[in-house]
Amino acid sequence: MAKMKEFEQKHSFYKVYKLKKEVLQELKELNLTDSQREKLTKLEKALDTEKKVHDK
């Protein structure tokens, strides 16, 4: 977790956002339960909300 925070501090918000979106898309391609898929959707919505706030 500490390495992730360090990475986020060293790179632009948009680079980190793009990487997170790519990971979420890859995870969605896995054979997930409905509960897991729902959690991913919530994470993606939170990430998109964070981007909207950052863009303002």
C-alpha atoms as a PDB file:
ATOM      1  CA  MET A   1       0.000   0.000   0.000  1.00  0.00           C
ATOM      2  CA  ALA A   2       2.836   2.397   0.844  1.00  0.00           C
ATOM      3  CA  LYS A   3       4.446   1.814  -2.553  1.00  0.00           C
ATOM      4  CA  MET A   4       1.149   2.606  -4.257  1.00  0.00           C
ATOM      5  CA  LYS A   5       0.828   5.902  -2.360  1.00  0.00           C
ATOM      6  CA  GLU A   6       4.435   6.715  -3.236  1.00  0.00           C
ATOM      7  CA  PHE A   7       3.734   5.997  -6.911  1.00  0.00           C
ATOM      8  CA  GLU A   8       0.636   8.217  -6.825  1.00  0.00           C
ATOM      9  CA  GLN A   9       2.676  11.079  -5.355  1.00  0.00           C
ATOM     10  CA  LYS A  10       5.401  10.796  -8.004  1.00  0.00           C
ATOM     11  CA  HIS A  11       3.085  10.639 -11.027  1.00  0.00           C
ATOM     12  CA  SER A  12       0.341  12.874 -12.344  1.00  0.00           C
ATOM     13  CA  PHE A  13      -3.239  12.330 -11.273  1.00  0.00           C
ATOM     14  CA  TYR A  14      -4.200  11.535 -14.858  1.00  0.00           C
ATOM     15  CA  LYS A  15      -1.538   8.858 -15.288  1.00  0.00           C
ATOM     16  CA  VAL A  16      -2.629   7.175 -12.051  1.00  0.00           C
ATOM     17  CA  TYR A  17      -6.309   7.510 -13.051  1.00  0.00           C
ATOM     18  CA  LYS A  18      -5.645   5.931 -16.451  1.00  0.00           C
ATOM     19  CA  LEU A  19      -3.755   3.010 -14.900  1.00  0.00           C
ATOM     20  CA  LYS A  20      -6.518   2.401 -12.353  1.00  0.00           C
ATOM     21  CA  LYS A  21      -9.158   2.437 -15.117  1.00  0.00           C
ATOM     22  CA  GLU A  22      -7.132  -0.098 -17.125  1.00  0.00           C
ATOM     23  CA  VAL A  23      -6.899  -2.410 -14.119  1.00  0.00           C
ATOM     24  CA  LEU A  24     -10.629  -2.128 -13.457  1.00  0.00           C
ATOM     25  CA  GLN A  25     -11.373  -3.031 -17.090  1.00  0.00           C
ATOM     26  CA  GLU A  26      -9.080  -6.070 -16.893  1.00  0.00           C
ATOM     27  CA  LEU A  27     -10.700  -7.199 -13.643  1.00  0.00           C
ATOM     28  CA  LYS A  28     -14.157  -6.909 -15.212  1.00  0.00           C
ATOM     29  CA  GLU A  29     -13.104  -9.458 -17.836  1.00  0.00           C
ATOM     30  CA  LEU A  30     -12.542 -12.098 -15.150  1.00  0.00           C
ATOM     31  CA  ASN A  31     -15.207 -14.603 -14.155  1.00  0.00           C
ATOM     32  CA  LEU A  32     -16.605 -12.682 -11.169  1.00  0.00           C
ATOM     33  CA  THR A  33     -19.541 -13.204  -8.864  1.00  0.00           C
ATOM     34  CA  ASP A  34     -22.309 -10.617  -8.889  1.00  0.00           C
ATOM     35  CA  SER A  35     -21.039  -9.287  -5.568  1.00  0.00           C
ATOM     36  CA  GLN A  36     -17.496  -8.877  -6.899  1.00  0.00           C
ATOM     37  CA  ARG A  37     -18.757  -7.204 -10.065  1.00  0.00           C
ATOM     38  CA  GLU A  38     -20.861  -4.817  -7.959  1.00  0.00           C
ATOM     39  CA  LYS A  39     -17.819  -3.873  -5.858  1.00  0.00           C
ATOM     40  CA  LEU A  40     -15.806  -3.152  -9.016  1.00  0.00           C
ATOM     41  CA  THR A  41     -18.616  -0.955 -10.330  1.00  0.00           C
ATOM     42  CA  LYS A  42     -18.644   1.001  -7.056  1.00  0.00           C
ATOM     43  CA  LEU A  43     -14.862   1.428  -7.198  1.00  0.00           C
ATOM     44  CA  GLU A  44     -15.062   2.668 -10.775  1.00  0.00           C
ATOM     45  CA  LYS A  45     -17.815   5.164  -9.929  1.00  0.00           C
ATOM     46  CA  ALA A  46     -15.759   6.454  -6.989  1.00  0.00           C
ATOM     47  CA  LEU A  47     -12.717   6.815  -9.252  1.00  0.00           C
ATOM     48  CA  ASP A  48     -14.757   8.706 -11.861  1.00  0.00           C
ATOM     49  CA  THR A  49     -16.172  10.983  -9.147  1.00  0.00           C
ATOM     50  CA  GLU A  50     -12.640  11.669  -7.895  1.00  0.00           C
ATOM     51  CA  LYS A  51     -11.619  12.619 -11.445  1.00  0.00           C
ATOM     52  CA  LYS A  52     -14.590  14.992 -11.818  1.00  0.00           C
ATOM     53  CA  VAL A  53     -13.635  16.728  -8.562  1.00  0.00           C
ATOM     54  CA  HIS A  54     -10.002  16.920  -9.664  1.00  0.00           C
ATOM     55  CA  ASP A  55     -10.971  18.395 -13.053  1.00  0.00           C
ATOM     56  CA  LYS A  56     -12.774  21.344 -11.426  1.00  0.00           C
END
